[in-house]
Amino acid sequence: MSTRIGIVGMPNAGKSSLFNALTKAGAEAANYPFTTIEPNVAVVPVRDERLEQVARTVDASEIVWDTVDFHDIAGLVAGAHKGEGLGNRFLANIRETDAIVHVVRAHGDENVIHPEGRVNPLADIETIETELILADLEQAERRVERVARQARSLDRALIAEEAWLRSVIEALQAGRPARSVPVPEEAPNAARDLGSLTSKPVLFVANVDEGSEEVPAEIAEHAASHGARAVAVSSRIEAELAELEDEDASAMREELGVSESGLQRVVREAFALLELIAFFTAGEAKPAQSWHLRQGLTAWHAAGQIHTDIQKGFVRAEVIGWRELVDAGGYASARDRGTLRLEGRDYVMADGDVISVKFTP
């Protein structure tokens, strides 16, 4: 299943420009609010140099990349939870995503109109976060009434969910996100059933001036205090670079002093936010493919990512770190060296593992 990431922010914060840079999809990026009405969605391959080396080593037939779905969601404004600026539609689009990329304007280009007539990153962040909190508060208050009625049956899970919802409401009323309230063990699906916006992990993308890669201190501090991550990208420059051939883009990045593409930074930080690791499958004259899995999950879970039938018939897995495979020059040499291991279903996958699952059909 592809990872779904929603790109949000104030109007003209640079969301659609970032989307263009990430996807080369050419979403309209005009200089006025609400250019994006329906969410633009693009499937972006997550390239990984490690898999390229593995593919060359085993003489794979092709490389198949795992993907991220980026959803470019229109700009939110104050009052969005009440429907201002088509806010209800936009909030509903955010609910469908796994994580939020919150684009914050931190550049001084006076030619780009700001809807509030000023550039103040923390004020913009507060506007968006307030709307998400207010939308969640309405949702939680509706749900707690329903759960409270059901909890009269004295079902332990429902009683725990009701207590959790009341704690979530208190947190939201105090301006804290739903993710600040731990989900009770007795009701593990409570957060999923609530579908809150502020339970989603957040990556702040500071849209900075040309040539800068530093996250402004106030954004970095806000992210750290809210359990979020932050990265700096110049959306305009990245959108321009995305139109160039790879070699020309690399040369211009070097000239601008930008070390890597915005795609690489944003995707890396988003995956870290979701606690995902990469693993690979590859064979001679077969596709080399990348997959992603929640950190801490096992070979059995990895088999399920590849195919549910493989998971059902799991017998054992051959596992090797990507570097060990490349250094050995292939599977045969890795077996001779003893670095290709047999693992059971409970083996905890490591980032960069190359796996081959033996299963019964």
Protein backbone atom coordinates (compact mmCIF):
# COMPACT_ATOMS: atom_id res chain seq x y z
CA MET A 1 0.00 0.00 0.00
CA SER A 2 1.43 3.35 -0.98
CA THR A 3 2.16 5.93 1.69
CA ARG A 4 -0.20 8.93 1.42
CA ILE A 5 1.16 12.34 2.39
CA GLY A 6 -0.93 15.51 2.32
CA ILE A 7 0.74 18.85 1.54
CA VAL A 8 -1.01 21.65 3.45
CA GLY A 9 -0.41 25.27 4.41
CA MET A 10 -1.68 28.81 4.04
CA PRO A 11 -2.61 30.03 0.55
CA ASN A 12 0.53 30.94 -1.43
CA ALA A 13 2.82 29.25 1.11
CA GLY A 14 4.43 27.32 -1.75
CA LYS A 15 2.46 24.06 -1.58
CA SER A 16 1.77 23.65 -5.29
CA SER A 17 5.31 24.74 -6.20
CA LEU A 18 6.65 22.08 -3.85
CA PHE A 19 4.22 19.58 -5.35
CA ASN A 20 5.52 20.44 -8.82
CA ALA A 21 9.09 20.02 -7.64
CA LEU A 22 8.32 16.68 -6.05
CA THR A 23 6.27 15.22 -8.87
CA LYS A 24 7.00 17.17 -12.05
CA ALA A 25 3.22 16.96 -12.45
CA GLY A 26 2.73 20.63 -13.26
CA ALA A 27 -0.08 21.43 -10.83
CA GLU A 28 -1.23 25.00 -11.34
CA ALA A 29 0.64 27.40 -9.06
CA ALA A 30 -0.90 30.83 -9.67
CA ASN A 31 -0.30 33.75 -7.33
CA TYR A 32 -3.72 33.92 -5.69
CA PRO A 33 -5.58 31.87 -3.06
CA PHE A 34 -7.52 28.67 -3.79
CA THR A 35 -5.81 27.85 -7.07
CA THR A 36 -5.98 24.20 -6.01
CA ILE A 37 -9.60 23.14 -5.46
CA GLU A 38 -9.52 19.37 -5.97
CA PRO A 39 -6.49 17.71 -4.40
CA ASN A 40 -3.80 17.02 -6.96
CA VAL A 41 -2.49 13.52 -6.40
CA ALA A 42 0.74 12.19 -7.86
CA VAL A 43 2.50 8.89 -7.36
CA VAL A 44 6.21 9.52 -6.81
CA PRO A 45 8.88 6.81 -6.99
CA VAL A 46 11.12 6.67 -3.91
CA ARG A 47 14.55 6.21 -5.42
CA ASP A 48 17.25 4.56 -3.31
CA GLU A 49 20.89 4.35 -4.37
CA ARG A 50 21.30 1.16 -2.31
CA LEU A 51 18.84 -0.72 -4.50
CA GLU A 52 20.62 0.49 -7.64
CA GLN A 53 23.83 -1.10 -6.36
CA VAL A 54 22.00 -4.31 -5.44
CA ALA A 55 20.39 -4.48 -8.90
CA ARG A 56 23.75 -4.15 -10.63
CA THR A 57 25.30 -6.76 -8.34
CA VAL A 58 22.69 -9.47 -8.99
CA ASP A 59 22.09 -8.48 -12.64
CA ALA A 60 18.40 -7.72 -12.10
CA SER A 61 16.16 -7.22 -15.11
CA GLU A 62 14.82 -3.84 -13.95
CA ILE A 63 14.27 -1.68 -10.89
CA VAL A 64 10.78 -1.20 -9.48
CA TRP A 65 10.58 1.59 -6.90
CA ASP A 66 8.18 1.80 -4.00
CA THR A 67 6.04 4.92 -4.19
CA VAL A 68 4.64 7.80 -2.15
CA ASP A 69 1.31 9.42 -2.99
CA PHE A 70 1.58 13.18 -2.57
CA HIS A 71 -1.75 15.00 -2.21
CA ASP A 72 -1.59 18.74 -2.89
CA ILE A 73 -4.42 20.08 -0.74
CA ALA A 74 -5.68 23.63 -1.22
CA GLY A 75 -4.70 26.41 1.18
CA LEU A 76 -6.42 26.56 4.56
CA VAL A 77 -7.50 29.83 6.12
CA ALA A 78 -8.90 30.93 9.47
CA GLY A 79 -12.43 29.55 9.82
CA ALA A 80 -11.75 26.47 7.67
CA HIS A 81 -13.35 24.18 10.27
CA LYS A 82 -16.57 26.14 9.71
CA GLY A 83 -16.26 25.88 5.94
CA GLU A 84 -14.42 29.15 5.26
CA GLY A 85 -12.48 28.98 2.00
CA LEU A 86 -14.05 25.61 1.18
CA GLY A 87 -12.44 24.41 4.40
CA ASN A 88 -14.66 21.41 5.05
CA ARG A 89 -13.69 19.81 1.74
CA PHE A 90 -10.01 20.47 2.34
CA LEU A 91 -10.11 19.04 5.88
CA ALA A 92 -11.84 15.92 4.58
CA ASN A 93 -9.01 15.45 2.07
CA ILE A 94 -6.41 15.64 4.87
CA ARG A 95 -8.20 12.88 6.80
CA GLU A 96 -7.42 10.43 4.00
CA THR A 97 -3.63 10.82 4.38
CA ASP A 98 -1.08 9.03 6.58
CA ALA A 99 1.00 12.10 7.38
CA ILE A 100 0.99 15.86 6.84
CA VAL A 101 3.64 17.98 5.15
CA HIS A 102 2.96 21.48 6.44
CA VAL A 103 4.53 24.07 4.12
CA VAL A 104 5.37 27.32 5.89
CA ARG A 105 6.39 30.49 4.09
CA ALA A 106 9.79 31.63 5.33
CA HIS A 107 11.06 33.56 2.30
CA GLY A 108 10.97 37.31 1.70
CA ASP A 109 9.79 37.48 -1.92
CA GLU A 110 7.52 40.55 -1.93
CA ASN A 111 6.07 39.55 -5.30
CA VAL A 112 4.22 36.65 -3.66
CA ILE A 113 1.00 37.81 -2.03
CA HIS A 114 0.41 36.75 1.58
CA PRO A 115 -3.31 36.40 2.48
CA GLU A 116 -2.73 38.19 5.81
CA GLY A 117 -0.50 40.88 4.31
CA ARG A 118 2.60 39.88 6.31
CA VAL A 119 5.26 37.16 6.55
CA ASN A 120 5.13 35.50 9.96
CA PRO A 121 5.87 31.76 9.92
CA LEU A 122 4.73 31.06 13.48
CA ALA A 123 1.46 32.95 12.98
CA ASP A 124 0.81 30.91 9.81
CA ILE A 125 1.56 27.68 11.67
CA GLU A 126 -0.81 28.69 14.46
CA THR A 127 -3.60 29.44 11.95
CA ILE A 128 -3.36 25.97 10.39
CA GLU A 129 -2.94 24.14 13.69
CA THR A 130 -5.88 25.97 15.24
CA GLU A 131 -8.15 24.96 12.36
CA LEU A 132 -7.09 21.32 12.64
CA ILE A 133 -7.62 21.35 16.41
CA LEU A 134 -11.07 22.96 16.13
CA ALA A 135 -12.10 20.46 13.46
CA ASP A 136 -10.91 17.59 15.68
CA LEU A 137 -12.73 19.05 18.68
CA GLU A 138 -16.05 19.01 16.83
CA GLN A 139 -15.38 15.45 15.68
CA ALA A 140 -14.39 14.22 19.15
CA GLU A 141 -17.41 15.82 20.84
CA ARG A 142 -19.74 14.10 18.38
CA ARG A 143 -18.04 10.74 18.81
CA VAL A 144 -17.89 10.79 22.61
CA GLU A 145 -21.68 11.14 22.80
CA ARG A 146 -22.12 8.02 20.68
CA VAL A 147 -19.46 6.02 22.52
CA ALA A 148 -20.81 7.08 25.93
CA ARG A 149 -24.21 5.62 25.05
CA GLN A 150 -22.60 2.38 23.88
CA ALA A 151 -20.40 2.22 27.00
CA ARG A 152 -23.47 1.75 29.17
CA SER A 153 -23.20 -1.91 28.19
CA LEU A 154 -20.08 -1.94 30.46
CA ASP A 155 -17.89 -3.13 27.61
CA ARG A 156 -14.28 -2.53 28.75
CA ALA A 157 -13.07 -1.34 25.37
CA LEU A 158 -15.89 1.19 25.04
CA ILE A 159 -15.38 2.45 28.59
CA ALA A 160 -11.66 2.95 27.86
CA GLU A 161 -12.45 4.67 24.56
CA GLU A 162 -14.89 7.06 26.23
CA ALA A 163 -12.29 8.00 28.87
CA TRP A 164 -9.69 8.51 26.15
CA LEU A 165 -12.03 10.68 24.09
CA ARG A 166 -12.75 12.89 27.10
CA SER A 167 -8.98 13.28 27.64
CA VAL A 168 -8.55 14.11 23.95
CA ILE A 169 -11.26 16.76 24.21
CA GLU A 170 -9.48 18.31 27.22
CA ALA A 171 -6.20 18.34 25.29
CA LEU A 172 -7.78 19.91 22.21
CA GLN A 173 -9.50 22.57 24.32
CA ALA A 174 -6.08 23.40 25.77
CA GLY A 175 -4.63 23.70 22.26
CA ARG A 176 -2.76 20.38 22.28
CA PRO A 177 -3.04 17.82 19.44
CA ALA A 178 -4.83 14.50 19.80
CA ARG A 179 -1.53 12.64 19.39
CA SER A 180 -0.46 14.03 22.80
CA VAL A 181 -2.95 11.66 24.50
CA PRO A 182 -1.77 8.00 24.51
CA VAL A 183 -4.27 5.51 23.11
CA PRO A 184 -5.35 2.98 25.79
CA GLU A 185 -4.36 -0.66 25.36
CA GLU A 186 -7.98 -1.67 25.96
CA ALA A 187 -9.11 0.33 22.90
CA PRO A 188 -6.28 0.11 20.35
CA ASN A 189 -8.51 1.26 17.46
CA ALA A 190 -9.81 4.38 19.21
CA ALA A 191 -7.57 6.80 17.30
CA ARG A 192 -8.38 5.16 13.97
CA ASP A 193 -12.10 5.33 14.70
CA LEU A 194 -11.87 9.00 15.64
CA GLY A 195 -9.94 9.81 12.47
CA SER A 196 -8.44 12.96 13.97
CA LEU A 197 -6.32 15.35 11.96
CA THR A 198 -3.97 16.21 14.82
CA SER A 199 -3.08 12.58 15.46
CA LYS A 200 -1.19 12.46 12.16
CA PRO A 201 2.59 12.96 12.22
CA VAL A 202 3.71 16.31 10.82
CA LEU A 203 6.72 17.40 8.78
CA PHE A 204 7.18 21.16 8.59
CA VAL A 205 8.71 22.29 5.29
CA ALA A 206 10.13 25.79 5.60
CA ASN A 207 9.85 27.40 2.16
CA VAL A 208 13.07 29.41 2.32
CA ASP A 209 14.94 31.83 0.07
CA GLU A 210 17.09 30.66 -2.81
CA GLY A 211 20.26 28.82 -1.77
CA SER A 212 19.28 28.31 1.86
CA GLU A 213 19.06 24.88 3.48
CA GLU A 214 18.67 26.01 7.10
CA VAL A 215 15.35 25.65 8.88
CA PRO A 216 14.58 29.00 10.58
CA ALA A 217 15.11 28.68 14.34
CA GLU A 218 11.50 29.49 15.28
CA ILE A 219 10.15 26.75 12.98
CA ALA A 220 12.73 24.21 14.18
CA GLU A 221 11.91 24.98 17.82
CA HIS A 222 8.17 24.74 17.21
CA ALA A 223 8.56 21.39 15.46
CA ALA A 224 10.73 19.99 18.24
CA SER A 225 8.27 21.09 20.94
CA HIS A 226 5.37 19.43 19.10
CA GLY A 227 7.01 16.08 18.33
CA ALA A 228 7.29 16.96 14.63
CA ARG A 229 10.18 17.16 12.17
CA ALA A 230 11.33 20.05 9.99
CA VAL A 231 13.26 20.52 6.75
CA ALA A 232 14.08 23.55 4.57
CA VAL A 233 13.35 23.71 0.84
CA SER A 234 13.12 26.54 -1.68
CA SER A 235 9.93 25.52 -3.47
CA ARG A 236 10.47 27.95 -6.34
CA ILE A 237 14.02 26.81 -7.06
CA GLU A 238 13.09 23.14 -6.72
CA ALA A 239 10.19 23.60 -9.14
CA GLU A 240 12.55 25.20 -11.67
CA LEU A 241 15.16 22.46 -11.19
CA ALA A 242 12.50 19.80 -11.68
CA GLU A 243 12.07 21.02 -15.27
CA LEU A 244 15.74 20.33 -16.10
CA GLU A 245 17.49 17.13 -17.08
CA ASP A 246 19.10 15.37 -14.13
CA GLU A 247 22.65 16.33 -15.13
CA ASP A 248 21.74 20.01 -15.61
CA ALA A 249 19.79 20.05 -12.33
CA SER A 250 22.78 18.61 -10.46
CA ALA A 251 25.08 21.26 -11.93
CA MET A 252 22.69 24.05 -10.95
CA ARG A 253 22.32 22.66 -7.43
CA GLU A 254 26.08 22.73 -7.06
CA GLU A 255 26.15 26.32 -8.33
CA LEU A 256 23.41 27.32 -5.87
CA GLY A 257 25.05 25.48 -2.99
CA VAL A 258 22.08 23.09 -2.58
CA SER A 259 23.33 19.63 -1.66
CA GLU A 260 20.40 17.43 -2.70
CA SER A 261 16.94 17.63 -4.22
CA GLY A 262 13.89 18.74 -2.27
CA LEU A 263 12.33 15.37 -3.09
CA GLN A 264 15.14 13.51 -1.35
CA ARG A 265 14.96 15.68 1.76
CA VAL A 266 11.18 15.70 2.07
CA VAL A 267 10.74 11.97 1.37
CA ARG A 268 13.57 11.01 3.76
CA GLU A 269 12.15 13.13 6.58
CA ALA A 270 8.58 11.97 5.92
CA PHE A 271 9.63 8.32 6.09
CA ALA A 272 11.55 8.97 9.30
CA LEU A 273 8.41 10.62 10.66
CA LEU A 274 6.39 7.49 9.90
CA GLU A 275 9.13 5.23 11.34
CA LEU A 276 9.43 3.32 8.06
CA ILE A 277 12.44 1.31 6.93
CA ALA A 278 13.29 0.14 3.41
CA PHE A 279 13.88 -3.45 2.40
CA PHE A 280 14.57 -4.96 -1.00
CA THR A 281 13.88 -8.01 -3.14
CA ALA A 282 16.14 -8.81 -6.10
CA GLY A 283 17.25 -11.72 -8.26
CA GLU A 284 19.12 -12.46 -11.44
CA ALA A 285 16.99 -11.62 -14.51
CA LYS A 286 14.21 -10.63 -12.12
CA PRO A 287 13.06 -7.17 -11.00
CA ALA A 288 14.86 -5.51 -8.09
CA GLN A 289 12.18 -3.91 -5.98
CA SER A 290 12.04 -1.61 -2.96
CA TRP A 291 9.46 -1.88 -0.19
CA HIS A 292 8.79 -0.03 3.06
CA LEU A 293 7.77 -1.40 6.41
CA ARG A 294 7.10 -0.03 9.89
CA GLN A 295 10.27 -0.16 11.98
CA GLY A 296 10.24 -3.10 14.39
CA LEU A 297 8.10 -5.40 12.21
CA THR A 298 9.20 -8.85 11.15
CA ALA A 299 10.05 -10.97 8.12
CA TRP A 300 6.47 -12.29 8.24
CA HIS A 301 5.15 -8.71 7.92
CA ALA A 302 7.63 -8.04 5.10
CA ALA A 303 6.29 -11.10 3.27
CA GLY A 304 2.81 -9.59 3.54
CA GLN A 305 4.04 -6.41 1.87
CA ILE A 306 5.23 -8.46 -1.07
CA HIS A 307 2.07 -10.58 -1.38
CA THR A 308 -0.56 -11.90 1.01
CA ASP A 309 -0.16 -15.45 -0.41
CA ILE A 310 3.56 -15.34 0.40
CA GLN A 311 2.75 -14.31 3.94
CA LYS A 312 0.16 -17.06 4.38
CA GLY A 313 2.56 -19.75 3.16
CA PHE A 314 5.67 -18.35 4.89
CA VAL A 315 8.29 -21.04 5.61
CA ARG A 316 11.55 -19.13 6.05
CA ALA A 317 13.45 -16.17 4.64
CA GLU A 318 16.93 -15.72 3.22
CA VAL A 319 18.17 -12.36 4.45
CA ILE A 320 21.31 -10.31 3.86
CA GLY A 321 22.20 -6.67 4.35
CA TRP A 322 22.45 -4.77 1.07
CA ARG A 323 26.09 -3.79 1.69
CA GLU A 324 27.09 -7.37 2.48
CA LEU A 325 25.45 -8.55 -0.75
CA VAL A 326 27.20 -5.90 -2.84
CA ASP A 327 30.58 -6.56 -1.16
CA ALA A 328 30.20 -10.31 -1.82
CA GLY A 329 29.37 -9.70 -5.47
CA GLY A 330 26.22 -11.81 -5.43
CA TYR A 331 24.23 -14.45 -3.58
CA ALA A 332 26.57 -17.40 -4.29
CA SER A 333 29.59 -15.64 -2.81
CA ALA A 334 27.48 -14.40 0.10
CA ARG A 335 26.50 -18.00 0.90
CA ASP A 336 30.17 -19.02 0.82
CA ARG A 337 31.00 -16.17 3.20
CA GLY A 338 28.14 -17.10 5.52
CA THR A 339 26.56 -13.66 5.29
CA LEU A 340 23.35 -14.90 3.64
CA ARG A 341 21.27 -16.04 6.60
CA LEU A 342 18.17 -18.18 7.08
CA GLU A 343 15.64 -16.44 9.32
CA GLY A 344 12.23 -17.36 10.68
CA ARG A 345 8.99 -15.39 10.67
CA ASP A 346 9.89 -13.51 13.87
CA TYR A 347 13.11 -12.00 12.53
CA VAL A 348 12.95 -8.20 12.97
CA MET A 349 13.71 -6.53 9.65
CA ALA A 350 16.56 -4.01 9.44
CA ASP A 351 16.78 -1.02 7.14
CA GLY A 352 18.43 -2.10 3.87
CA ASP A 353 17.80 -5.84 4.23
CA VAL A 354 17.53 -7.86 1.01
CA ILE A 355 15.05 -10.70 1.49
CA SER A 356 13.89 -13.78 -0.39
CA VAL A 357 10.92 -15.59 1.14
CA LYS A 358 10.43 -19.31 0.79
CA PHE A 359 6.76 -20.22 1.02
CA THR A 360 4.27 -22.98 0.31
CA PRO A 361 1.58 -22.03 -2.23
